[in-house]
Amino acid sequence: MQTPQTGHFIKDFGLFTSSLVLAEVKDGRTVKYKNLARVWELIRDEAAFRKYVHNETDGFLKTVKF
C-alpha cells in the first residue's frame, strides 16, 4: 500500500490500513474483490484466524468463474 506500484490498492479497494483482500482478476482488471476485514480482530487467535481466512477464501472461490 505504501509504494508507487501498489498505492492504487488504497483507492481500488477502499483501504485505510494493511489488509487481506481476495480479488478476481480478468484480463488485468479486477472484476470483484472482498476485503477480509476481520483479520485484525482475529490475529491473536490462530485457529479462529485460519478458519475465517479458509472459509472466506473457499466461499469467494466458489463464486469465481474459471
N, C-alpha and C. Protein backbone atom coordinates (compact mmCIF):
# COMPACT_ATOMS: atom_id res chain seq x y z
N MET A 1 0.81 -1.20 0.00
CA MET A 1 0.00 0.00 0.00
C MET A 1 0.86 1.26 0.00
N GLN A 2 2.11 1.15 0.35
CA GLN A 2 2.90 2.35 0.56
C GLN A 2 3.94 2.61 -0.51
N THR A 3 3.85 1.92 -1.62
CA THR A 3 4.79 2.16 -2.70
C THR A 3 4.02 2.69 -3.92
N PRO A 4 4.70 3.37 -4.82
CA PRO A 4 4.01 3.86 -6.02
C PRO A 4 3.37 2.73 -6.82
N GLN A 5 3.99 1.55 -6.82
CA GLN A 5 3.47 0.43 -7.60
C GLN A 5 2.20 -0.17 -6.98
N THR A 6 2.04 -0.07 -5.68
CA THR A 6 0.90 -0.70 -5.02
C THR A 6 -0.06 0.30 -4.39
N GLY A 7 0.26 1.58 -4.45
CA GLY A 7 -0.58 2.60 -3.84
C GLY A 7 -2.00 2.65 -4.38
N HIS A 8 -2.19 2.21 -5.62
CA HIS A 8 -3.54 2.24 -6.22
C HIS A 8 -4.52 1.35 -5.46
N PHE A 9 -4.01 0.36 -4.71
CA PHE A 9 -4.90 -0.52 -3.95
C PHE A 9 -5.73 0.24 -2.92
N ILE A 10 -5.19 1.31 -2.38
CA ILE A 10 -5.92 2.12 -1.41
C ILE A 10 -7.23 2.60 -2.03
N LYS A 11 -7.13 3.15 -3.22
CA LYS A 11 -8.32 3.65 -3.92
C LYS A 11 -9.16 2.49 -4.46
N ASP A 12 -8.52 1.53 -5.12
CA ASP A 12 -9.24 0.44 -5.77
C ASP A 12 -10.11 -0.35 -4.79
N PHE A 13 -9.58 -0.60 -3.60
CA PHE A 13 -10.28 -1.45 -2.64
C PHE A 13 -10.80 -0.68 -1.43
N GLY A 14 -10.68 0.63 -1.42
CA GLY A 14 -11.17 1.44 -0.31
C GLY A 14 -10.45 1.14 1.00
N LEU A 15 -9.14 0.95 0.94
CA LEU A 15 -8.38 0.56 2.11
C LEU A 15 -7.92 1.76 2.92
N PHE A 16 -7.75 1.54 4.21
CA PHE A 16 -7.21 2.58 5.08
C PHE A 16 -6.08 2.05 5.95
N THR A 17 -5.84 0.75 5.90
CA THR A 17 -4.75 0.12 6.64
C THR A 17 -4.34 -1.15 5.91
N SER A 18 -3.28 -1.78 6.35
CA SER A 18 -2.89 -3.06 5.76
C SER A 18 -4.06 -4.01 5.84
N SER A 19 -4.29 -4.74 4.76
CA SER A 19 -5.49 -5.57 4.68
C SER A 19 -5.20 -6.85 3.92
N LEU A 20 -6.10 -7.80 4.07
CA LEU A 20 -6.08 -9.02 3.28
C LEU A 20 -7.27 -8.95 2.34
N VAL A 21 -6.99 -8.90 1.05
CA VAL A 21 -8.04 -8.74 0.05
C VAL A 21 -7.98 -9.91 -0.92
N LEU A 22 -9.12 -10.52 -1.17
CA LEU A 22 -9.26 -11.54 -2.20
C LEU A 22 -9.77 -10.83 -3.45
N ALA A 23 -9.18 -11.14 -4.59
CA ALA A 23 -9.58 -10.44 -5.81
C ALA A 23 -9.66 -11.41 -6.98
N GLU A 24 -10.68 -11.22 -7.79
CA GLU A 24 -10.78 -11.94 -9.06
C GLU A 24 -10.34 -10.96 -10.15
N VAL A 25 -9.32 -11.35 -10.89
CA VAL A 25 -8.75 -10.50 -11.93
C VAL A 25 -8.90 -11.20 -13.28
N LYS A 26 -9.46 -10.48 -14.23
CA LYS A 26 -9.63 -10.99 -15.60
C LYS A 26 -9.02 -9.97 -16.55
N ASP A 27 -8.17 -10.45 -17.43
CA ASP A 27 -7.53 -9.58 -18.42
C ASP A 27 -6.90 -8.35 -17.77
N GLY A 28 -6.27 -8.55 -16.61
CA GLY A 28 -5.58 -7.47 -15.93
C GLY A 28 -6.46 -6.51 -15.15
N ARG A 29 -7.76 -6.77 -15.13
CA ARG A 29 -8.70 -5.89 -14.41
C ARG A 29 -9.33 -6.66 -13.27
N THR A 30 -9.49 -5.99 -12.13
CA THR A 30 -10.19 -6.59 -11.00
C THR A 30 -11.68 -6.54 -11.29
N VAL A 31 -12.32 -7.72 -11.32
CA VAL A 31 -13.76 -7.75 -11.60
C VAL A 31 -14.57 -7.86 -10.32
N LYS A 32 -13.96 -8.36 -9.26
CA LYS A 32 -14.62 -8.34 -7.96
C LYS A 32 -13.57 -8.60 -6.90
N TYR A 33 -13.90 -8.15 -5.69
CA TYR A 33 -12.96 -8.34 -4.60
C TYR A 33 -13.72 -8.41 -3.28
N LYS A 34 -13.02 -8.91 -2.27
CA LYS A 34 -13.58 -8.96 -0.92
C LYS A 34 -12.46 -8.67 0.07
N ASN A 35 -12.67 -7.65 0.88
CA ASN A 35 -11.72 -7.29 1.93
C ASN A 35 -12.06 -8.12 3.16
N LEU A 36 -11.11 -8.92 3.63
CA LEU A 36 -11.34 -9.75 4.82
C LEU A 36 -11.08 -8.90 6.06
N ALA A 37 -12.06 -8.09 6.40
CA ALA A 37 -11.92 -7.07 7.43
C ALA A 37 -11.68 -7.61 8.83
N ARG A 38 -12.05 -8.84 9.10
CA ARG A 38 -11.92 -9.37 10.46
C ARG A 38 -10.53 -9.91 10.79
N VAL A 39 -9.59 -9.88 9.83
CA VAL A 39 -8.28 -10.47 10.11
C VAL A 39 -7.59 -9.83 11.30
N TRP A 40 -7.71 -8.52 11.47
CA TRP A 40 -7.05 -7.86 12.60
C TRP A 40 -7.74 -8.20 13.91
N GLU A 41 -9.03 -8.40 13.87
CA GLU A 41 -9.79 -8.80 15.06
C GLU A 41 -9.36 -10.19 15.53
N LEU A 42 -9.02 -11.06 14.59
CA LEU A 42 -8.73 -12.46 14.89
C LEU A 42 -7.24 -12.79 14.93
N ILE A 43 -6.38 -11.83 14.70
CA ILE A 43 -4.95 -12.09 14.52
C ILE A 43 -4.30 -12.79 15.72
N ARG A 44 -4.83 -12.61 16.90
CA ARG A 44 -4.22 -13.23 18.09
C ARG A 44 -4.79 -14.61 18.41
N ASP A 45 -5.77 -15.04 17.64
CA ASP A 45 -6.37 -16.36 17.82
C ASP A 45 -6.13 -17.14 16.53
N GLU A 46 -5.03 -17.88 16.50
CA GLU A 46 -4.60 -18.53 15.25
C GLU A 46 -5.67 -19.45 14.67
N ALA A 47 -6.32 -20.23 15.51
CA ALA A 47 -7.34 -21.16 15.00
C ALA A 47 -8.50 -20.39 14.37
N ALA A 48 -8.98 -19.37 15.05
CA ALA A 48 -10.10 -18.58 14.52
C ALA A 48 -9.69 -17.83 13.26
N PHE A 49 -8.47 -17.31 13.25
CA PHE A 49 -7.94 -16.60 12.09
C PHE A 49 -7.89 -17.52 10.88
N ARG A 50 -7.31 -18.70 11.07
CA ARG A 50 -7.19 -19.66 9.96
C ARG A 50 -8.56 -20.09 9.45
N LYS A 51 -9.48 -20.34 10.36
CA LYS A 51 -10.83 -20.75 9.98
C LYS A 51 -11.52 -19.65 9.17
N TYR A 52 -11.40 -18.41 9.65
CA TYR A 52 -12.01 -17.28 8.96
C TYR A 52 -11.44 -17.13 7.54
N VAL A 53 -10.11 -17.12 7.42
CA VAL A 53 -9.49 -16.95 6.11
C VAL A 53 -9.86 -18.13 5.20
N HIS A 54 -9.84 -19.32 5.73
CA HIS A 54 -10.19 -20.50 4.93
C HIS A 54 -11.63 -20.41 4.43
N ASN A 55 -12.55 -20.14 5.33
CA ASN A 55 -13.97 -20.09 4.96
C ASN A 55 -14.25 -18.97 3.96
N GLU A 56 -13.66 -17.81 4.18
CA GLU A 56 -13.89 -16.68 3.28
C GLU A 56 -13.27 -16.96 1.90
N THR A 57 -12.08 -17.55 1.89
CA THR A 57 -11.43 -17.88 0.62
C THR A 57 -12.22 -18.95 -0.13
N ASP A 58 -12.65 -19.98 0.59
CA ASP A 58 -13.45 -21.04 -0.03
C ASP A 58 -14.73 -20.47 -0.63
N GLY A 59 -15.43 -19.64 0.12
CA GLY A 59 -16.66 -19.03 -0.38
C GLY A 59 -16.42 -18.13 -1.59
N PHE A 60 -15.34 -17.37 -1.55
CA PHE A 60 -15.02 -16.49 -2.66
C PHE A 60 -14.70 -17.30 -3.92
N LEU A 61 -13.89 -18.33 -3.76
CA LEU A 61 -13.52 -19.15 -4.91
C LEU A 61 -14.73 -19.84 -5.54
N LYS A 62 -15.73 -20.14 -4.77
CA LYS A 62 -16.94 -20.76 -5.32
C LYS A 62 -17.69 -19.83 -6.24
N THR A 63 -17.43 -18.52 -6.15
CA THR A 63 -18.12 -17.55 -7.00
C THR A 63 -17.31 -17.17 -8.23
N VAL A 64 -16.04 -17.60 -8.27
CA VAL A 64 -15.17 -17.25 -9.39
C VAL A 64 -15.47 -18.16 -10.57
N LYS A 65 -15.54 -17.54 -11.73
CA LYS A 65 -15.80 -18.29 -12.96
C LYS A 65 -14.48 -18.50 -13.68
N PHE A 66 -14.02 -19.75 -13.70
CA PHE A 66 -12.75 -20.08 -14.35
C PHE A 66 -12.96 -20.36 -15.81
